[in-house]
Amino acid sequence: MQVTDGHPAIPGQNCVTGVTDDTGCRGFGRTTGARLRSVGGSCQADLVLPHVTPAEAALLDLAGRHYRYEANREAAVWDELGLTLMAFWQAVNALLDTERALAHDAVLVRRLQRRRAAMMR
């Protein structure tokens, strides 16, 4: 898939990601993880979808589970991940703001973002 986040790839322009292909072609785009290549004399960027690590997937999975009591969640976080509840939520909140998390499970991430926003009001 050739995507540059709505911006054309232009030879000689500074690329936001700073990536240069083997032909010296520099692209202009905001795509995270873009790889540039020269096609027919013009630069093209391939979108590389980011993946969550198994540890990040476990964080999201545990954050998405429903518990009747918060103490049960705390025990599960400690048993499965070896983290305190505060460290767990800090890691989850940092992960919620990444595109990797959205690509992994958009419905869960949006639900957790809404819950976080409601708690901050």
PDB file of N, CA and C in Angstrom:
ATOM      1  N   MET A   1       0.846  -1.169   0.000  1.00  0.00           N
ATOM      2  CA  MET A   1       0.000   0.000   0.000  1.00  0.00           C
ATOM      3  C   MET A   1       0.888   1.227   0.000  1.00  0.00           C
ATOM      4  N   GLN A   2       0.636   2.160  -0.881  1.00  0.00           N
ATOM      5  CA  GLN A   2       1.458   3.346  -0.980  1.00  0.00           C
ATOM      6  C   GLN A   2       0.736   4.513  -0.337  1.00  0.00           C
ATOM      7  N   VAL A   3       1.185   4.883   0.857  1.00  0.00           N
ATOM      8  CA  VAL A   3       0.521   5.924   1.619  1.00  0.00           C
ATOM      9  C   VAL A   3       1.569   6.856   2.183  1.00  0.00           C
ATOM     10  N   THR A   4       1.311   8.139   2.131  1.00  0.00           N
ATOM     11  CA  THR A   4       2.190   9.109   2.778  1.00  0.00           C
ATOM     12  C   THR A   4       1.379  10.058   3.642  1.00  0.00           C
ATOM     13  N   ASP A   5       0.310   9.564   4.188  1.00  0.00           N
ATOM     14  CA  ASP A   5      -0.526  10.338   5.105  1.00  0.00           C
ATOM     15  C   ASP A   5      -1.104  11.573   4.423  1.00  0.00           C
ATOM     16  N   GLY A   6      -1.507  11.422   3.164  1.00  0.00           N
ATOM     17  CA  GLY A   6      -2.135  12.514   2.458  1.00  0.00           C
ATOM     18  C   GLY A   6      -1.180  13.466   1.780  1.00  0.00           C
ATOM     19  N   HIS A   7       0.114  13.298   1.975  1.00  0.00           N
ATOM     20  CA  HIS A   7       1.106  14.165   1.376  1.00  0.00           C
ATOM     21  C   HIS A   7       1.885  13.375   0.334  1.00  0.00           C
ATOM     22  N   PRO A   8       2.142  13.964  -0.826  1.00  0.00           N
ATOM     23  CA  PRO A   8       2.894  13.235  -1.845  1.00  0.00           C
ATOM     24  C   PRO A   8       4.355  13.079  -1.449  1.00  0.00           C
ATOM     25  N   ALA A   9       4.954  12.000  -1.915  1.00  0.00           N
ATOM     26  CA  ALA A   9       6.381  11.794  -1.689  1.00  0.00           C
ATOM     27  C   ALA A   9       7.118  12.559  -2.773  1.00  0.00           C
ATOM     28  N   ILE A  10       7.970  13.488  -2.393  1.00  0.00           N
ATOM     29  CA  ILE A  10       8.650  14.360  -3.343  1.00  0.00           C
ATOM     30  C   ILE A  10      10.146  14.139  -3.225  1.00  0.00           C
ATOM     31  N   PRO A  11      10.844  13.850  -4.345  1.00  0.00           N
ATOM     32  CA  PRO A  11      12.288  13.683  -4.285  1.00  0.00           C
ATOM     33  C   PRO A  11      12.953  14.976  -3.817  1.00  0.00           C
ATOM     34  N   GLY A  12      13.944  14.839  -2.963  1.00  0.00           N
ATOM     35  CA  GLY A  12      14.722  15.987  -2.514  1.00  0.00           C
ATOM     36  C   GLY A  12      14.132  16.722  -1.326  1.00  0.00           C
ATOM     37  N   GLN A  13      12.907  16.443  -0.926  1.00  0.00           N
ATOM     38  CA  GLN A  13      12.307  17.106   0.218  1.00  0.00           C
ATOM     39  C   GLN A  13      12.751  16.427   1.509  1.00  0.00           C
ATOM     40  N   ASN A  14      12.742  17.177   2.585  1.00  0.00           N
ATOM     41  CA  ASN A  14      13.064  16.588   3.881  1.00  0.00           C
ATOM     42  C   ASN A  14      11.908  15.730   4.342  1.00  0.00           C
ATOM     43  N   CYS A  15      12.224  14.536   4.750  1.00  0.00           N
ATOM     44  CA  CYS A  15      11.208  13.610   5.220  1.00  0.00           C
ATOM     45  C   CYS A  15      11.039  13.804   6.718  1.00  0.00           C
ATOM     46  N   VAL A  16       9.816  13.798   7.184  1.00  0.00           N
ATOM     47  CA  VAL A  16       9.555  13.953   8.616  1.00  0.00           C
ATOM     48  C   VAL A  16      10.201  12.813   9.384  1.00  0.00           C
ATOM     49  N   THR A  17      10.154  11.611   8.800  1.00  0.00           N
ATOM     50  CA  THR A  17      10.749  10.467   9.475  1.00  0.00           C
ATOM     51  C   THR A  17      12.252  10.398   9.259  1.00  0.00           C
ATOM     52  N   GLY A  18      12.781  11.160   8.283  1.00  0.00           N
ATOM     53  CA  GLY A  18      14.214  11.173   8.027  1.00  0.00           C
ATOM     54  C   GLY A  18      14.726   9.925   7.351  1.00  0.00           C
ATOM     55  N   VAL A  19      13.857   9.181   6.674  1.00  0.00           N
ATOM     56  CA  VAL A  19      14.236   7.924   6.032  1.00  0.00           C
ATOM     57  C   VAL A  19      14.622   8.203   4.589  1.00  0.00           C
ATOM     58  N   THR A  20      15.701   7.593   4.144  1.00  0.00           N
ATOM     59  CA  THR A  20      16.140   7.718   2.761  1.00  0.00           C
ATOM     60  C   THR A  20      16.295   6.334   2.185  1.00  0.00           C
ATOM     61  N   ASP A  21      15.821   6.127   0.950  1.00  0.00           N
ATOM     62  CA  ASP A  21      15.993   4.816   0.332  1.00  0.00           C
ATOM     63  C   ASP A  21      17.369   4.706  -0.312  1.00  0.00           C
ATOM     64  N   ASP A  22      17.674   3.558  -0.929  1.00  0.00           N
ATOM     65  CA  ASP A  22      19.005   3.324  -1.464  1.00  0.00           C
ATOM     66  C   ASP A  22      19.300   4.152  -2.709  1.00  0.00           C
ATOM     67  N   THR A  23      18.304   4.803  -3.323  1.00  0.00           N
ATOM     68  CA  THR A  23      18.544   5.645  -4.487  1.00  0.00           C
ATOM     69  C   THR A  23      18.733   7.099  -4.097  1.00  0.00           C
ATOM     70  N   GLY A  24      18.721   7.399  -2.816  1.00  0.00           N
ATOM     71  CA  GLY A  24      18.887   8.772  -2.364  1.00  0.00           C
ATOM     72  C   GLY A  24      17.593   9.560  -2.362  1.00  0.00           C
ATOM     73  N   CYS A  25      16.490   8.897  -2.596  1.00  0.00           N
ATOM     74  CA  CYS A  25      15.182   9.543  -2.640  1.00  0.00           C
ATOM     75  C   CYS A  25      14.725   9.816  -1.214  1.00  0.00           C
ATOM     76  N   ARG A  26      14.372  11.045  -0.936  1.00  0.00           N
ATOM     77  CA  ARG A  26      13.843  11.399   0.378  1.00  0.00           C
ATOM     78  C   ARG A  26      12.380  11.735   0.211  1.00  0.00           C
ATOM     79  N   GLY A  27      11.568  11.315   1.144  1.00  0.00           N
ATOM     80  CA  GLY A  27      10.134  11.532   1.026  1.00  0.00           C
ATOM     81  C   GLY A  27       9.644  12.607   1.955  1.00  0.00           C
ATOM     82  N   PHE A  28       8.463  13.085   1.694  1.00  0.00           N
ATOM     83  CA  PHE A  28       7.816  14.076   2.537  1.00  0.00           C
ATOM     84  C   PHE A  28       6.521  13.471   3.028  1.00  0.00           C
ATOM     85  N   GLY A  29       6.410  13.211   4.315  1.00  0.00           N
ATOM     86  CA  GLY A  29       5.205  12.610   4.837  1.00  0.00           C
ATOM     87  C   GLY A  29       5.261  12.507   6.334  1.00  0.00           C
ATOM     88  N   ARG A  30       4.152  12.192   6.907  1.00  0.00           N
ATOM     89  CA  ARG A  30       4.081  12.069   8.363  1.00  0.00           C
ATOM     90  C   ARG A  30       3.817  10.633   8.782  1.00  0.00           C
ATOM     91  N   THR A  31       3.992   9.707   7.884  1.00  0.00           N
ATOM     92  CA  THR A  31       3.696   8.319   8.176  1.00  0.00           C
ATOM     93  C   THR A  31       4.755   7.745   9.096  1.00  0.00           C
ATOM     94  N   THR A  32       4.343   7.208  10.215  1.00  0.00           N
ATOM     95  CA  THR A  32       5.264   6.589  11.148  1.00  0.00           C
ATOM     96  C   THR A  32       5.662   5.228  10.602  1.00  0.00           C
ATOM     97  N   GLY A  33       6.938   4.966  10.574  1.00  0.00           N
ATOM     98  CA  GLY A  33       7.418   3.679  10.101  1.00  0.00           C
ATOM     99  C   GLY A  33       7.367   3.546   8.591  1.00  0.00           C
ATOM    100  N   ALA A  34       7.414   4.655   7.866  1.00  0.00           N
ATOM    101  CA  ALA A  34       7.341   4.583   6.411  1.00  0.00           C
ATOM    102  C   ALA A  34       8.681   4.157   5.832  1.00  0.00           C
ATOM    103  N   ARG A  35       8.612   3.328   4.816  1.00  0.00           N
ATOM    104  CA  ARG A  35       9.798   2.969   4.060  1.00  0.00           C
ATOM    105  C   ARG A  35       9.662   3.602   2.692  1.00  0.00           C
ATOM    106  N   LEU A  36      10.722   4.241   2.211  1.00  0.00           N
ATOM    107  CA  LEU A  36      10.673   4.911   0.927  1.00  0.00           C
ATOM    108  C   LEU A  36      11.327   4.060  -0.138  1.00  0.00           C
ATOM    109  N   ARG A  37      10.793   4.136  -1.351  1.00  0.00           N
ATOM    110  CA  ARG A  37      11.409   3.467  -2.480  1.00  0.00           C
ATOM    111  C   ARG A  37      11.125   4.293  -3.712  1.00  0.00           C
ATOM    112  N   SER A  38      11.993   4.167  -4.699  1.00  0.00           N
ATOM    113  CA  SER A  38      11.847   4.914  -5.931  1.00  0.00           C
ATOM    114  C   SER A  38      11.088   4.068  -6.941  1.00  0.00           C
ATOM    115  N   VAL A  39       9.975   4.609  -7.457  1.00  0.00           N
ATOM    116  CA  VAL A  39       9.157   3.912  -8.440  1.00  0.00           C
ATOM    117  C   VAL A  39       8.982   4.836  -9.629  1.00  0.00           C
ATOM    118  N   GLY A  40       9.555   4.458 -10.783  1.00  0.00           N
ATOM    119  CA  GLY A  40       9.397   5.264 -11.991  1.00  0.00           C
ATOM    120  C   GLY A  40       9.921   6.676 -11.838  1.00  0.00           C
ATOM    121  N   GLY A  41      10.987   6.876 -11.071  1.00  0.00           N
ATOM    122  CA  GLY A  41      11.581   8.191 -10.912  1.00  0.00           C
ATOM    123  C   GLY A  41      10.965   9.024  -9.806  1.00  0.00           C
ATOM    124  N   SER A  42       9.906   8.542  -9.147  1.00  0.00           N
ATOM    125  CA  SER A  42       9.316   9.289  -8.045  1.00  0.00           C
ATOM    126  C   SER A  42       9.383   8.455  -6.773  1.00  0.00           C
ATOM    127  N   CYS A  43       9.369   9.132  -5.658  1.00  0.00           N
ATOM    128  CA  CYS A  43       9.446   8.445  -4.370  1.00  0.00           C
ATOM    129  C   CYS A  43       8.055   7.983  -3.957  1.00  0.00           C
ATOM    130  N   GLN A  44       7.986   6.814  -3.378  1.00  0.00           N
ATOM    131  CA  GLN A  44       6.745   6.288  -2.839  1.00  0.00           C
ATOM    132  C   GLN A  44       7.037   5.808  -1.421  1.00  0.00           C
ATOM    133  N   ALA A  45       6.081   5.947  -0.543  1.00  0.00           N
ATOM    134  CA  ALA A  45       6.244   5.482   0.835  1.00  0.00           C
ATOM    135  C   ALA A  45       5.313   4.306   1.067  1.00  0.00           C
ATOM    136  N   ASP A  46       5.840   3.249   1.649  1.00  0.00           N
ATOM    137  CA  ASP A  46       5.035   2.093   2.020  1.00  0.00           C
ATOM    138  C   ASP A  46       4.702   2.219   3.493  1.00  0.00           C
ATOM    139  N   LEU A  47       3.426   2.109   3.815  1.00  0.00           N
ATOM    140  CA  LEU A  47       2.996   2.191   5.204  1.00  0.00           C
ATOM    141  C   LEU A  47       3.271   0.862   5.884  1.00  0.00           C
ATOM    142  N   VAL A  48       4.013   0.903   6.972  1.00  0.00           N
ATOM    143  CA  VAL A  48       4.305  -0.279   7.754  1.00  0.00           C
ATOM    144  C   VAL A  48       3.460  -0.196   9.011  1.00  0.00           C
ATOM    145  N   LEU A  49       2.490  -1.089   9.135  1.00  0.00           N
ATOM    146  CA  LEU A  49       1.634  -1.060  10.307  1.00  0.00           C
ATOM    147  C   LEU A  49       2.410  -1.505  11.537  1.00  0.00           C
ATOM    148  N   PRO A  50       2.384  -0.702  12.591  1.00  0.00           N
ATOM    149  CA  PRO A  50       3.096  -1.065  13.807  1.00  0.00           C
ATOM    150  C   PRO A  50       2.371  -2.175  14.558  1.00  0.00           C
ATOM    151  N   HIS A  51       3.118  -3.008  15.219  1.00  0.00           N
ATOM    152  CA  HIS A  51       2.547  -4.107  15.990  1.00  0.00           C
ATOM    153  C   HIS A  51       2.886  -3.925  17.455  1.00  0.00           C
ATOM    154  N   VAL A  52       1.961  -4.331  18.312  1.00  0.00           N
ATOM    155  CA  VAL A  52       2.230  -4.287  19.741  1.00  0.00           C
ATOM    156  C   VAL A  52       3.073  -5.507  20.118  1.00  0.00           C
ATOM    157  N   THR A  53       3.869  -5.349  21.135  1.00  0.00           N
ATOM    158  CA  THR A  53       4.654  -6.470  21.638  1.00  0.00           C
ATOM    159  C   THR A  53       3.737  -7.380  22.441  1.00  0.00           C
ATOM    160  N   PRO A  54       4.150  -8.608  22.699  1.00  0.00           N
ATOM    161  CA  PRO A  54       3.324  -9.489  23.532  1.00  0.00           C
ATOM    162  C   PRO A  54       3.052  -8.906  24.926  1.00  0.00           C
ATOM    163  N   ALA A  55       4.016  -8.192  25.482  1.00  0.00           N
ATOM    164  CA  ALA A  55       3.811  -7.576  26.799  1.00  0.00           C
ATOM    165  C   ALA A  55       2.758  -6.473  26.723  1.00  0.00           C
ATOM    166  N   GLU A  56       2.786  -5.682  25.641  1.00  0.00           N
ATOM    167  CA  GLU A  56       1.789  -4.629  25.472  1.00  0.00           C
ATOM    168  C   GLU A  56       0.403  -5.230  25.222  1.00  0.00           C
ATOM    169  N   ALA A  57       0.351  -6.327  24.474  1.00  0.00           N
ATOM    170  CA  ALA A  57      -0.927  -7.003  24.243  1.00  0.00           C
ATOM    171  C   ALA A  57      -1.499  -7.532  25.554  1.00  0.00           C
ATOM    172  N   ALA A  58      -0.622  -8.043  26.433  1.00  0.00           N
ATOM    173  CA  ALA A  58      -1.076  -8.526  27.740  1.00  0.00           C
ATOM    174  C   ALA A  58      -1.612  -7.369  28.585  1.00  0.00           C
ATOM    175  N   LEU A  59      -0.963  -6.189  28.505  1.00  0.00           N
ATOM    176  CA  LEU A  59      -1.453  -5.016  29.232  1.00  0.00           C
ATOM    177  C   LEU A  59      -2.855  -4.639  28.764  1.00  0.00           C
ATOM    178  N   LEU A  60      -3.040  -4.583  27.447  1.00  0.00           N
ATOM    179  CA  LEU A  60      -4.348  -4.215  26.908  1.00  0.00           C
ATOM    180  C   LEU A  60      -5.409  -5.252  27.257  1.00  0.00           C
ATOM    181  N   ASP A  61      -5.028  -6.520  27.174  1.00  0.00           N
ATOM    182  CA  ASP A  61      -5.975  -7.587  27.495  1.00  0.00           C
ATOM    183  C   ASP A  61      -6.439  -7.490  28.938  1.00  0.00           C
ATOM    184  N   LEU A  62      -5.502  -7.290  29.826  1.00  0.00           N
ATOM    185  CA  LEU A  62      -5.838  -7.198  31.248  1.00  0.00           C
ATOM    186  C   LEU A  62      -6.640  -5.933  31.554  1.00  0.00           C
ATOM    187  N   ALA A  63      -6.315  -4.828  30.866  1.00  0.00           N
ATOM    188  CA  ALA A  63      -7.063  -3.582  31.086  1.00  0.00           C
ATOM    189  C   ALA A  63      -8.492  -3.696  30.567  1.00  0.00           C
ATOM    190  N   GLY A  64      -8.704  -4.524  29.561  1.00  0.00           N
ATOM    191  CA  GLY A  64     -10.026  -4.668  28.985  1.00  0.00           C
ATOM    192  C   GLY A  64     -10.935  -5.643  29.706  1.00  0.00           C
ATOM    193  N   ARG A  65     -10.387  -6.432  30.600  1.00  0.00           N
ATOM    194  CA  ARG A  65     -11.212  -7.387  31.350  1.00  0.00           C
ATOM    195  C   ARG A  65     -12.111  -6.666  32.341  1.00  0.00           C
ATOM    196  N   HIS A  66     -13.262  -7.252  32.583  1.00  0.00           N
ATOM    197  CA  HIS A  66     -14.204  -6.680  33.546  1.00  0.00           C
ATOM    198  C   HIS A  66     -14.060  -7.398  34.887  1.00  0.00           C
ATOM    199  N   TYR A  67     -13.915  -6.619  35.939  1.00  0.00           N
ATOM    200  CA  TYR A  67     -13.813  -7.146  37.290  1.00  0.00           C
ATOM    201  C   TYR A  67     -14.889  -6.500  38.143  1.00  0.00           C
ATOM    202  N   ARG A  68     -15.473  -7.297  39.018  1.00  0.00           N
ATOM    203  CA  ARG A  68     -16.503  -6.758  39.904  1.00  0.00           C
ATOM    204  C   ARG A  68     -15.884  -5.834  40.947  1.00  0.00           C
ATOM    205  N   TYR A  69     -14.703  -6.198  41.418  1.00  0.00           N
ATOM    206  CA  TYR A  69     -14.013  -5.397  42.425  1.00  0.00           C
ATOM    207  C   TYR A  69     -12.610  -5.071  41.929  1.00  0.00           C
ATOM    208  N   GLU A  70     -12.151  -3.869  42.233  1.00  0.00           N
ATOM    209  CA  GLU A  70     -10.820  -3.432  41.791  1.00  0.00           C
ATOM    210  C   GLU A  70      -9.714  -4.260  42.448  1.00  0.00           C
ATOM    211  N   ALA A  71      -9.956  -4.777  43.622  1.00  0.00           N
ATOM    212  CA  ALA A  71      -8.960  -5.620  44.288  1.00  0.00           C
ATOM    213  C   ALA A  71      -8.688  -6.892  43.481  1.00  0.00           C
ATOM    214  N   ASN A  72      -9.716  -7.401  42.796  1.00  0.00           N
ATOM    215  CA  ASN A  72      -9.506  -8.577  41.947  1.00  0.00           C
ATOM    216  C   ASN A  72      -8.597  -8.240  40.769  1.00  0.00           C
ATOM    217  N   ARG A  73      -8.768  -7.039  40.200  1.00  0.00           N
ATOM    218  CA  ARG A  73      -7.894  -6.605  39.107  1.00  0.00           C
ATOM    219  C   ARG A  73      -6.458  -6.459  39.615  1.00  0.00           C
ATOM    220  N   GLU A  74      -6.321  -5.880  40.800  1.00  0.00           N
ATOM    221  CA  GLU A  74      -4.989  -5.683  41.372  1.00  0.00           C
ATOM    222  C   GLU A  74      -4.285  -7.026  41.566  1.00  0.00           C
ATOM    223  N   ALA A  75      -5.013  -8.013  42.050  1.00  0.00           N
ATOM    224  CA  ALA A  75      -4.422  -9.342  42.243  1.00  0.00           C
ATOM    225  C   ALA A  75      -4.043  -9.966  40.900  1.00  0.00           C
ATOM    226  N   ALA A  76      -4.887  -9.798  39.883  1.00  0.00           N
ATOM    227  CA  ALA A  76      -4.586 -10.355  38.558  1.00  0.00           C
ATOM    228  C   ALA A  76      -3.379  -9.675  37.928  1.00  0.00           C
ATOM    229  N   VAL A  77      -3.268  -8.360  38.090  1.00  0.00           N
ATOM    230  CA  VAL A  77      -2.121  -7.622  37.551  1.00  0.00           C
ATOM    231  C   VAL A  77      -0.842  -8.095  38.218  1.00  0.00           C
ATOM    232  N   TRP A  78      -0.879  -8.267  39.520  1.00  0.00           N
ATOM    233  CA  TRP A  78       0.309  -8.709  40.235  1.00  0.00           C
ATOM    234  C   TRP A  78       0.678 -10.142  39.852  1.00  0.00           C
ATOM    235  N   ASP A  79      -0.308 -11.033  39.769  1.00  0.00           N
ATOM    236  CA  ASP A  79      -0.040 -12.437  39.454  1.00  0.00           C
ATOM    237  C   ASP A  79       0.444 -12.636  38.023  1.00  0.00           C
ATOM    238  N   GLU A  80      -0.180 -11.955  37.061  1.00  0.00           N
ATOM    239  CA  GLU A  80       0.135 -12.178  35.656  1.00  0.00           C
ATOM    240  C   GLU A  80       1.308 -11.351  35.148  1.00  0.00           C
ATOM    241  N   LEU A  81       1.435 -10.097  35.632  1.00  0.00           N
ATOM    242  CA  LEU A  81       2.457  -9.208  35.108  1.00  0.00           C
ATOM    243  C   LEU A  81       3.539  -8.840  36.107  1.00  0.00           C
ATOM    244  N   GLY A  82       3.264  -9.045  37.385  1.00  0.00           N
ATOM    245  CA  GLY A  82       4.247  -8.683  38.404  1.00  0.00           C
ATOM    246  C   GLY A  82       4.379  -7.186  38.597  1.00  0.00           C
ATOM    247  N   LEU A  83       3.302  -6.440  38.292  1.00  0.00           N
ATOM    248  CA  LEU A  83       3.314  -4.984  38.418  1.00  0.00           C
ATOM    249  C   LEU A  83       2.363  -4.548  39.516  1.00  0.00           C
ATOM    250  N   THR A  84       2.678  -3.399  40.104  1.00  0.00           N
ATOM    251  CA  THR A  84       1.707  -2.790  41.012  1.00  0.00           C
ATOM    252  C   THR A  84       0.603  -2.182  40.156  1.00  0.00           C
ATOM    253  N   LEU A  85      -0.525  -1.887  40.772  1.00  0.00           N
ATOM    254  CA  LEU A  85      -1.650  -1.338  40.033  1.00  0.00           C
ATOM    255  C   LEU A  85      -1.312   0.033  39.446  1.00  0.00           C
ATOM    256  N   MET A  86      -0.553   0.839  40.180  1.00  0.00           N
ATOM    257  CA  MET A  86      -0.176   2.160  39.685  1.00  0.00           C
ATOM    258  C   MET A  86       0.732   2.042  38.458  1.00  0.00           C
ATOM    259  N   ALA A  87       1.730   1.172  38.526  1.00  0.00           N
ATOM    260  CA  ALA A  87       2.623   0.975  37.378  1.00  0.00           C
ATOM    261  C   ALA A  87       1.865   0.406  36.176  1.00  0.00           C
ATOM    262  N   PHE A  88       0.903  -0.461  36.445  1.00  0.00           N
ATOM    263  CA  PHE A  88       0.086  -1.030  35.376  1.00  0.00           C
ATOM    264  C   PHE A  88      -0.687   0.054  34.646  1.00  0.00           C
ATOM    265  N   TRP A  89      -1.390   0.920  35.384  1.00  0.00           N
ATOM    266  CA  TRP A  89      -2.194   1.951  34.737  1.00  0.00           C
ATOM    267  C   TRP A  89      -1.331   3.000  34.057  1.00  0.00           C
ATOM    268  N   GLN A  90      -0.144   3.277  34.599  1.00  0.00           N
ATOM    269  CA  GLN A  90       0.767   4.197  33.919  1.00  0.00           C
ATOM    270  C   GLN A  90       1.187   3.635  32.564  1.00  0.00           C
ATOM    271  N   ALA A  91       1.488   2.350  32.524  1.00  0.00           N
ATOM    272  CA  ALA A  91       1.878   1.713  31.263  1.00  0.00           C
ATOM    273  C   ALA A  91       0.708   1.664  30.287  1.00  0.00           C
ATOM    274  N   VAL A  92      -0.479   1.361  30.788  1.00  0.00           N
ATOM    275  CA  VAL A  92      -1.667   1.302  29.924  1.00  0.00           C
ATOM    276  C   VAL A  92      -1.973   2.687  29.364  1.00  0.00           C
ATOM    277  N   ASN A  93      -1.934   3.717  30.188  1.00  0.00           N
ATOM    278  CA  ASN A  93      -2.226   5.072  29.722  1.00  0.00           C
ATOM    279  C   ASN A  93      -1.226   5.538  28.677  1.00  0.00           C
ATOM    280  N   ALA A  94       0.039   5.192  28.839  1.00  0.00           N
ATOM    281  CA  ALA A  94       1.029   5.544  27.826  1.00  0.00           C
ATOM    282  C   ALA A  94       0.753   4.788  26.526  1.00  0.00           C
ATOM    283  N   LEU A  95       0.340   3.548  26.639  1.00  0.00           N
ATOM    284  CA  LEU A  95       0.071   2.714  25.469  1.00  0.00           C
ATOM    285  C   LEU A  95      -1.186   3.168  24.728  1.00  0.00           C
ATOM    286  N   LEU A  96      -2.164   3.704  25.438  1.00  0.00           N
ATOM    287  CA  LEU A  96      -3.417   4.126  24.811  1.00  0.00           C
ATOM    288  C   LEU A  96      -3.220   5.256  23.809  1.00  0.00           C
ATOM    289  N   ASP A  97      -2.151   6.011  23.949  1.00  0.00           N
ATOM    290  CA  ASP A  97      -1.909   7.149  23.064  1.00  0.00           C
ATOM    291  C   ASP A  97      -1.087   6.777  21.830  1.00  0.00           C
ATOM    292  N   THR A  98      -0.828   5.493  21.619  1.00  0.00           N
ATOM    293  CA  THR A  98      -0.014   5.085  20.484  1.00  0.00           C
ATOM    294  C   THR A  98      -0.884   4.510  19.366  1.00  0.00           C
ATOM    295  N   GLU A  99      -0.363   4.595  18.154  1.00  0.00           N
ATOM    296  CA  GLU A  99      -1.058   4.020  17.000  1.00  0.00           C
ATOM    297  C   GLU A  99      -0.971   2.501  17.010  1.00  0.00           C
ATOM    298  N   ARG A 100       0.055   1.964  17.669  1.00  0.00           N
ATOM    299  CA  ARG A 100       0.196   0.504  17.763  1.00  0.00           C
ATOM    300  C   ARG A 100      -1.013  -0.098  18.466  1.00  0.00           C
ATOM    301  N   ALA A 101      -1.433   0.557  19.545  1.00  0.00           N
ATOM    302  CA  ALA A 101      -2.571   0.045  20.305  1.00  0.00           C
ATOM    303  C   ALA A 101      -3.851   0.114  19.479  1.00  0.00           C
ATOM    304  N   LEU A 102      -4.040   1.212  18.748  1.00  0.00           N
ATOM    305  CA  LEU A 102      -5.225   1.331  17.901  1.00  0.00           C
ATOM    306  C   LEU A 102      -5.245   0.266  16.822  1.00  0.00           C
ATOM    307  N   ALA A 103      -4.086  -0.029  16.253  1.00  0.00           N
ATOM    308  CA  ALA A 103      -4.020  -1.056  15.212  1.00  0.00           C
ATOM    309  C   ALA A 103      -4.297  -2.434  15.794  1.00  0.00           C
ATOM    310  N   HIS A 104      -3.960  -2.641  17.054  1.00  0.00           N
ATOM    311  CA  HIS A 104      -4.156  -3.944  17.689  1.00  0.00           C
ATOM    312  C   HIS A 104      -5.627  -4.205  18.004  1.00  0.00           C
ATOM    313  N   ASP A 105      -6.261  -3.276  18.706  1.00  0.00           N
ATOM    314  CA  ASP A 105      -7.672  -3.447  19.089  1.00  0.00           C
ATOM    315  C   ASP A 105      -8.291  -2.068  19.275  1.00  0.00           C
ATOM    316  N   ALA A 106      -8.824  -1.522  18.199  1.00  0.00           N
ATOM    317  CA  ALA A 106      -9.333  -0.152  18.212  1.00  0.00           C
ATOM    318  C   ALA A 106     -10.535   0.017  19.144  1.00  0.00           C
ATOM    319  N   VAL A 107     -11.413  -0.962  19.183  1.00  0.00           N
ATOM    320  CA  VAL A 107     -12.615  -0.853  20.017  1.00  0.00           C
ATOM    321  C   VAL A 107     -12.230  -0.774  21.494  1.00  0.00           C
ATOM    322  N   LEU A 108     -11.339  -1.636  21.917  1.00  0.00           N
ATOM    323  CA  LEU A 108     -10.895  -1.640  23.313  1.00  0.00           C
ATOM    324  C   LEU A 108     -10.172  -0.346  23.656  1.00  0.00           C
ATOM    325  N   VAL A 109      -9.292   0.097  22.783  1.00  0.00           N
ATOM    326  CA  VAL A 109      -8.512   1.312  23.048  1.00  0.00           C
ATOM    327  C   VAL A 109      -9.429   2.519  23.151  1.00  0.00           C
ATOM    328  N   ARG A 110     -10.389   2.650  22.256  1.00  0.00           N
ATOM    329  CA  ARG A 110     -11.326   3.782  22.326  1.00  0.00           C
ATOM    330  C   ARG A 110     -12.159   3.728  23.607  1.00  0.00           C
ATOM    331  N   ARG A 111     -12.567   2.536  24.018  1.00  0.00           N
ATOM    332  CA  ARG A 111     -13.343   2.398  25.258  1.00  0.00           C
ATOM    333  C   ARG A 111     -12.505   2.819  26.459  1.00  0.00           C
ATOM    334  N   LEU A 112     -11.253   2.388  26.496  1.00  0.00           N
ATOM    335  CA  LEU A 112     -10.374   2.768  27.602  1.00  0.00           C
ATOM    336  C   LEU A 112     -10.056   4.263  27.573  1.00  0.00           C
ATOM    337  N   GLN A 113      -9.920   4.843  26.388  1.00  0.00           N
ATOM    338  CA  GLN A 113      -9.689   6.285  26.286  1.00  0.00           C
ATOM    339  C   GLN A 113     -10.895   7.070  26.797  1.00  0.00           C
ATOM    340  N   ARG A 114     -12.100   6.605  26.462  1.00  0.00           N
ATOM    341  CA  ARG A 114     -13.308   7.276  26.965  1.00  0.00           C
ATOM    342  C   ARG A 114     -13.400   7.168  28.481  1.00  0.00           C
ATOM    343  N   ARG A 115     -13.059   6.006  29.011  1.00  0.00           N
ATOM    344  CA  ARG A 115     -13.095   5.814  30.461  1.00  0.00           C
ATOM    345  C   ARG A 115     -12.068   6.702  31.155  1.00  0.00           C
ATOM    346  N   ARG A 116     -10.890   6.819  30.561  1.00  0.00           N
ATOM    347  CA  ARG A 116      -9.857   7.692  31.113  1.00  0.00           C
ATOM    348  C   ARG A 116     -10.301   9.150  31.088  1.00  0.00           C
ATOM    349  N   ALA A 117     -10.915   9.580  29.975  1.00  0.00           N
ATOM    350  CA  ALA A 117     -11.378  10.954  29.859  1.00  0.00           C
ATOM    351  C   ALA A 117     -12.485  11.257  30.869  1.00  0.00           C
ATOM    352  N   ALA A 118     -13.367  10.299  31.097  1.00  0.00           N
ATOM    353  CA  ALA A 118     -14.447  10.486  32.072  1.00  0.00           C
ATOM    354  C   ALA A 118     -13.898  10.614  33.486  1.00  0.00           C
ATOM    355  N   MET A 119     -12.849   9.886  33.778  1.00  0.00           N
ATOM    356  CA  MET A 119     -12.262   9.962  35.136  1.00  0.00           C
ATOM    357  C   MET A 119     -11.532  11.262  35.366  1.00  0.00           C
ATOM    358  N   MET A 120     -11.057  11.902  34.289  1.00  0.00           N
ATOM    359  CA  MET A 120     -10.304  13.145  34.433  1.00  0.00           C
ATOM    360  C   MET A 120     -11.220  14.359  34.583  1.00  0.00           C
ATOM    361  N   ARG A 121     -12.501  14.193  34.331  1.00  0.00           N
ATOM    362  CA  ARG A 121     -13.431  15.338  34.463  1.00  0.00           C
ATOM    363  C   ARG A 121     -13.762  15.626  35.881  1.00  0.00           C
TER     364      ARG A 121
END
